[in-house]
Amino acid sequence: MFARVFTYQGPPELIDEGIRIGKKQILPQARQLDGFKGVYFLVDRQSGKHLTITLWESEEAMRASEEAANRLRSEDAEAAAATVQSVERFEVVLSSEQQT
């Protein structure tokens, strides 16, 4: 499994708007992408910082989703008046959901 991690910074008072857009528009579109396995959206309501972690069944699926991910990331950031601070990619080597 692979993960793409986005770090955003925006006004704390607009985090709920970003969450609303994420639930109504971003997540349904992400679910349609081949190889999509899940997402985590983490927020610090005091600082306005938030992280989005998307999970992919393979590195190939993650790479193939780059164009769509860029578009979805921009839509989410715009809704929360946030700026994208970083985008990183990782291999998931341990998960509580994996069998040992």
N, C-alpha and C. Protein backbone atom coordinates (compact mmCIF):
# COMPACT_ATOMS: atom_id res chain seq x y z
N MET A 1 0.85 -1.17 0.00
CA MET A 1 0.00 0.00 0.00
C MET A 1 0.90 1.23 0.00
N PHE A 2 0.39 2.32 -0.59
CA PHE A 2 1.13 3.57 -0.66
C PHE A 2 0.24 4.71 -0.18
N ALA A 3 0.89 5.80 0.25
CA ALA A 3 0.15 6.95 0.79
C ALA A 3 0.70 8.25 0.20
N ARG A 4 -0.23 9.16 -0.07
CA ARG A 4 0.14 10.52 -0.45
C ARG A 4 -0.33 11.41 0.70
N VAL A 5 0.56 12.28 1.17
CA VAL A 5 0.26 13.14 2.32
C VAL A 5 0.35 14.59 1.89
N PHE A 6 -0.76 15.32 2.07
CA PHE A 6 -0.81 16.76 1.76
C PHE A 6 -0.84 17.51 3.09
N THR A 7 -0.07 18.56 3.19
CA THR A 7 -0.11 19.45 4.35
C THR A 7 -0.65 20.79 3.88
N TYR A 8 -1.68 21.28 4.56
CA TYR A 8 -2.31 22.56 4.24
C TYR A 8 -2.18 23.51 5.43
N GLN A 9 -2.24 24.81 5.14
CA GLN A 9 -2.34 25.82 6.19
C GLN A 9 -3.38 26.83 5.76
N GLY A 10 -4.32 27.10 6.66
CA GLY A 10 -5.37 28.05 6.35
C GLY A 10 -5.96 28.64 7.61
N PRO A 11 -6.94 29.53 7.45
CA PRO A 11 -7.58 30.14 8.62
C PRO A 11 -8.36 29.09 9.42
N PRO A 12 -8.15 29.02 10.72
CA PRO A 12 -8.85 28.02 11.54
C PRO A 12 -10.37 28.10 11.40
N GLU A 13 -10.91 29.28 11.19
CA GLU A 13 -12.36 29.42 11.13
C GLU A 13 -12.97 28.84 9.85
N LEU A 14 -12.14 28.47 8.88
CA LEU A 14 -12.66 27.88 7.64
C LEU A 14 -12.43 26.37 7.54
N ILE A 15 -11.92 25.76 8.59
CA ILE A 15 -11.68 24.31 8.57
C ILE A 15 -12.98 23.56 8.33
N ASP A 16 -14.06 23.97 8.98
CA ASP A 16 -15.33 23.25 8.81
C ASP A 16 -15.83 23.31 7.37
N GLU A 17 -15.57 24.42 6.68
CA GLU A 17 -15.95 24.52 5.26
C GLU A 17 -15.13 23.53 4.44
N GLY A 18 -13.85 23.41 4.73
CA GLY A 18 -13.01 22.43 4.04
C GLY A 18 -13.50 21.01 4.27
N ILE A 19 -13.90 20.72 5.50
CA ILE A 19 -14.44 19.39 5.83
C ILE A 19 -15.73 19.13 5.05
N ARG A 20 -16.60 20.13 5.01
CA ARG A 20 -17.87 19.99 4.30
C ARG A 20 -17.63 19.69 2.81
N ILE A 21 -16.75 20.45 2.19
CA ILE A 21 -16.43 20.24 0.77
C ILE A 21 -15.79 18.86 0.59
N GLY A 22 -14.92 18.49 1.52
CA GLY A 22 -14.28 17.17 1.45
C GLY A 22 -15.29 16.05 1.46
N LYS A 23 -16.26 16.13 2.35
CA LYS A 23 -17.28 15.08 2.46
C LYS A 23 -18.22 15.04 1.25
N LYS A 24 -18.66 16.21 0.81
CA LYS A 24 -19.68 16.28 -0.23
C LYS A 24 -19.12 16.13 -1.64
N GLN A 25 -17.90 16.64 -1.88
CA GLN A 25 -17.39 16.68 -3.25
C GLN A 25 -16.11 15.88 -3.45
N ILE A 26 -15.14 16.06 -2.56
CA ILE A 26 -13.82 15.47 -2.78
C ILE A 26 -13.85 13.95 -2.58
N LEU A 27 -14.36 13.49 -1.44
CA LEU A 27 -14.36 12.06 -1.15
C LEU A 27 -15.11 11.23 -2.19
N PRO A 28 -16.31 11.63 -2.60
CA PRO A 28 -17.00 10.83 -3.62
C PRO A 28 -16.19 10.72 -4.92
N GLN A 29 -15.49 11.77 -5.31
CA GLN A 29 -14.68 11.72 -6.52
C GLN A 29 -13.45 10.84 -6.32
N ALA A 30 -12.83 10.94 -5.15
CA ALA A 30 -11.65 10.13 -4.86
C ALA A 30 -11.99 8.64 -4.88
N ARG A 31 -13.16 8.30 -4.37
CA ARG A 31 -13.58 6.89 -4.35
C ARG A 31 -13.70 6.29 -5.74
N GLN A 32 -13.86 7.12 -6.74
CA GLN A 32 -13.99 6.64 -8.12
C GLN A 32 -12.64 6.35 -8.78
N LEU A 33 -11.55 6.78 -8.15
CA LEU A 33 -10.23 6.59 -8.75
C LEU A 33 -9.74 5.15 -8.54
N ASP A 34 -9.18 4.56 -9.59
CA ASP A 34 -8.67 3.19 -9.51
C ASP A 34 -7.60 3.08 -8.44
N GLY A 35 -7.72 2.09 -7.59
CA GLY A 35 -6.72 1.81 -6.58
C GLY A 35 -6.86 2.59 -5.30
N PHE A 36 -7.87 3.46 -5.20
CA PHE A 36 -8.09 4.23 -3.98
C PHE A 36 -8.51 3.29 -2.86
N LYS A 37 -7.84 3.41 -1.69
CA LYS A 37 -8.14 2.52 -0.56
C LYS A 37 -8.71 3.26 0.64
N GLY A 38 -8.52 4.58 0.73
CA GLY A 38 -9.06 5.30 1.88
C GLY A 38 -8.41 6.65 2.04
N VAL A 39 -8.92 7.39 3.04
CA VAL A 39 -8.40 8.73 3.30
C VAL A 39 -8.54 9.05 4.79
N TYR A 40 -7.62 9.83 5.28
CA TYR A 40 -7.69 10.39 6.63
C TYR A 40 -7.52 11.90 6.49
N PHE A 41 -8.34 12.65 7.20
CA PHE A 41 -8.27 14.11 7.18
C PHE A 41 -8.05 14.54 8.63
N LEU A 42 -6.89 15.09 8.92
CA LEU A 42 -6.52 15.47 10.27
C LEU A 42 -6.44 16.99 10.36
N VAL A 43 -6.99 17.55 11.43
CA VAL A 43 -6.98 19.01 11.57
C VAL A 43 -6.48 19.43 12.95
N ASP A 44 -5.85 20.59 12.97
CA ASP A 44 -5.54 21.30 14.22
C ASP A 44 -6.38 22.56 14.17
N ARG A 45 -7.50 22.55 14.86
CA ARG A 45 -8.46 23.65 14.79
C ARG A 45 -7.90 24.97 15.31
N GLN A 46 -6.90 24.92 16.16
CA GLN A 46 -6.34 26.16 16.69
C GLN A 46 -5.39 26.83 15.71
N SER A 47 -4.56 26.04 15.04
CA SER A 47 -3.56 26.63 14.15
C SER A 47 -4.04 26.75 12.70
N GLY A 48 -5.06 25.98 12.33
CA GLY A 48 -5.53 25.97 10.94
C GLY A 48 -4.75 25.01 10.05
N LYS A 49 -3.86 24.24 10.65
CA LYS A 49 -3.10 23.26 9.87
C LYS A 49 -3.92 21.98 9.73
N HIS A 50 -3.86 21.39 8.54
CA HIS A 50 -4.50 20.09 8.36
C HIS A 50 -3.72 19.25 7.38
N LEU A 51 -3.85 17.94 7.59
CA LEU A 51 -3.18 16.95 6.76
C LEU A 51 -4.24 16.06 6.12
N THR A 52 -4.01 15.72 4.89
CA THR A 52 -4.84 14.73 4.23
C THR A 52 -3.93 13.59 3.81
N ILE A 53 -4.31 12.38 4.20
CA ILE A 53 -3.55 11.18 3.85
C ILE A 53 -4.45 10.31 2.99
N THR A 54 -4.06 10.09 1.74
CA THR A 54 -4.82 9.19 0.88
C THR A 54 -4.03 7.89 0.73
N LEU A 55 -4.75 6.79 0.72
CA LEU A 55 -4.13 5.46 0.65
C LEU A 55 -4.46 4.82 -0.70
N TRP A 56 -3.46 4.12 -1.25
CA TRP A 56 -3.55 3.54 -2.59
C TRP A 56 -3.07 2.10 -2.56
N GLU A 57 -3.69 1.25 -3.36
CA GLU A 57 -3.34 -0.18 -3.35
C GLU A 57 -1.96 -0.45 -3.90
N SER A 58 -1.44 0.45 -4.73
CA SER A 58 -0.10 0.24 -5.31
C SER A 58 0.52 1.60 -5.64
N GLU A 59 1.82 1.57 -5.85
CA GLU A 59 2.51 2.80 -6.26
C GLU A 59 2.01 3.24 -7.63
N GLU A 60 1.74 2.29 -8.51
CA GLU A 60 1.25 2.60 -9.84
C GLU A 60 -0.10 3.32 -9.76
N ALA A 61 -0.99 2.84 -8.90
CA ALA A 61 -2.31 3.48 -8.74
C ALA A 61 -2.15 4.89 -8.20
N MET A 62 -1.25 5.06 -7.24
CA MET A 62 -1.01 6.39 -6.67
C MET A 62 -0.50 7.34 -7.75
N ARG A 63 0.48 6.89 -8.52
CA ARG A 63 1.06 7.73 -9.58
C ARG A 63 0.01 8.05 -10.67
N ALA A 64 -0.81 7.07 -11.00
CA ALA A 64 -1.84 7.28 -12.03
C ALA A 64 -2.89 8.30 -11.59
N SER A 65 -3.04 8.48 -10.29
CA SER A 65 -4.06 9.40 -9.77
C SER A 65 -3.54 10.82 -9.58
N GLU A 66 -2.29 11.09 -9.93
CA GLU A 66 -1.67 12.39 -9.66
C GLU A 66 -2.47 13.57 -10.23
N GLU A 67 -2.88 13.48 -11.47
CA GLU A 67 -3.59 14.61 -12.09
C GLU A 67 -4.90 14.89 -11.36
N ALA A 68 -5.67 13.84 -11.10
CA ALA A 68 -6.93 14.02 -10.38
C ALA A 68 -6.67 14.51 -8.96
N ALA A 69 -5.64 13.99 -8.32
CA ALA A 69 -5.31 14.41 -6.95
C ALA A 69 -4.95 15.89 -6.91
N ASN A 70 -4.22 16.36 -7.90
CA ASN A 70 -3.88 17.78 -7.95
C ASN A 70 -5.13 18.65 -8.04
N ARG A 71 -6.08 18.23 -8.86
CA ARG A 71 -7.33 18.98 -9.01
C ARG A 71 -8.15 18.96 -7.72
N LEU A 72 -8.30 17.78 -7.13
CA LEU A 72 -9.07 17.66 -5.89
C LEU A 72 -8.42 18.44 -4.75
N ARG A 73 -7.11 18.37 -4.67
CA ARG A 73 -6.37 19.09 -3.63
C ARG A 73 -6.60 20.60 -3.77
N SER A 74 -6.57 21.09 -4.98
CA SER A 74 -6.79 22.52 -5.23
C SER A 74 -8.20 22.94 -4.83
N GLU A 75 -9.20 22.11 -5.16
CA GLU A 75 -10.59 22.41 -4.80
C GLU A 75 -10.75 22.47 -3.28
N ASP A 76 -10.16 21.51 -2.58
CA ASP A 76 -10.27 21.47 -1.13
C ASP A 76 -9.57 22.66 -0.49
N ALA A 77 -8.37 22.97 -0.97
CA ALA A 77 -7.63 24.11 -0.42
C ALA A 77 -8.37 25.41 -0.66
N GLU A 78 -8.94 25.57 -1.84
CA GLU A 78 -9.68 26.79 -2.15
C GLU A 78 -10.88 26.96 -1.23
N ALA A 79 -11.60 25.87 -0.96
CA ALA A 79 -12.78 25.93 -0.09
C ALA A 79 -12.43 26.40 1.30
N ALA A 80 -11.25 26.06 1.77
CA ALA A 80 -10.84 26.42 3.13
C ALA A 80 -9.88 27.62 3.13
N ALA A 81 -9.75 28.30 2.00
CA ALA A 81 -8.81 29.43 1.87
C ALA A 81 -7.44 29.05 2.39
N ALA A 82 -7.02 27.84 2.07
CA ALA A 82 -5.75 27.31 2.58
C ALA A 82 -4.73 27.25 1.45
N THR A 83 -3.48 27.14 1.85
CA THR A 83 -2.41 26.92 0.87
C THR A 83 -1.81 25.56 1.13
N VAL A 84 -1.43 24.90 0.05
CA VAL A 84 -0.78 23.59 0.16
C VAL A 84 0.68 23.84 0.53
N GLN A 85 1.10 23.30 1.66
CA GLN A 85 2.46 23.47 2.14
C GLN A 85 3.40 22.42 1.57
N SER A 86 2.90 21.18 1.43
CA SER A 86 3.74 20.11 0.91
C SER A 86 2.88 18.95 0.42
N VAL A 87 3.46 18.17 -0.47
CA VAL A 87 2.86 16.92 -0.94
C VAL A 87 3.99 15.89 -0.91
N GLU A 88 3.77 14.81 -0.17
CA GLU A 88 4.79 13.77 -0.04
C GLU A 88 4.16 12.42 -0.33
N ARG A 89 5.00 11.48 -0.73
CA ARG A 89 4.54 10.13 -1.04
C ARG A 89 5.36 9.11 -0.24
N PHE A 90 4.66 8.09 0.26
CA PHE A 90 5.29 7.10 1.12
C PHE A 90 4.78 5.70 0.79
N GLU A 91 5.61 4.73 1.08
CA GLU A 91 5.16 3.34 1.10
C GLU A 91 4.69 3.04 2.52
N VAL A 92 3.53 2.41 2.64
CA VAL A 92 3.02 2.01 3.95
C VAL A 92 3.62 0.64 4.25
N VAL A 93 4.45 0.56 5.28
CA VAL A 93 5.14 -0.69 5.59
C VAL A 93 4.57 -1.39 6.82
N LEU A 94 3.72 -0.69 7.59
CA LEU A 94 3.08 -1.29 8.76
C LEU A 94 1.75 -0.62 8.99
N SER A 95 0.73 -1.43 9.20
CA SER A 95 -0.61 -0.92 9.46
C SER A 95 -1.31 -1.90 10.41
N SER A 96 -2.14 -1.37 11.28
CA SER A 96 -2.87 -2.25 12.19
C SER A 96 -3.88 -3.11 11.41
N GLU A 97 -4.17 -2.74 10.19
CA GLU A 97 -5.12 -3.51 9.37
C GLU A 97 -4.45 -4.63 8.60
N GLN A 98 -3.12 -4.62 8.54
CA GLN A 98 -2.40 -5.65 7.82
C GLN A 98 -2.27 -6.91 8.67
N GLN A 99 -2.28 -8.04 8.02
CA GLN A 99 -2.08 -9.30 8.71
C GLN A 99 -0.58 -9.53 8.90
N THR A 100 -0.18 -10.10 10.03
CA THR A 100 1.23 -10.39 10.27
C THR A 100 1.58 -11.79 9.86
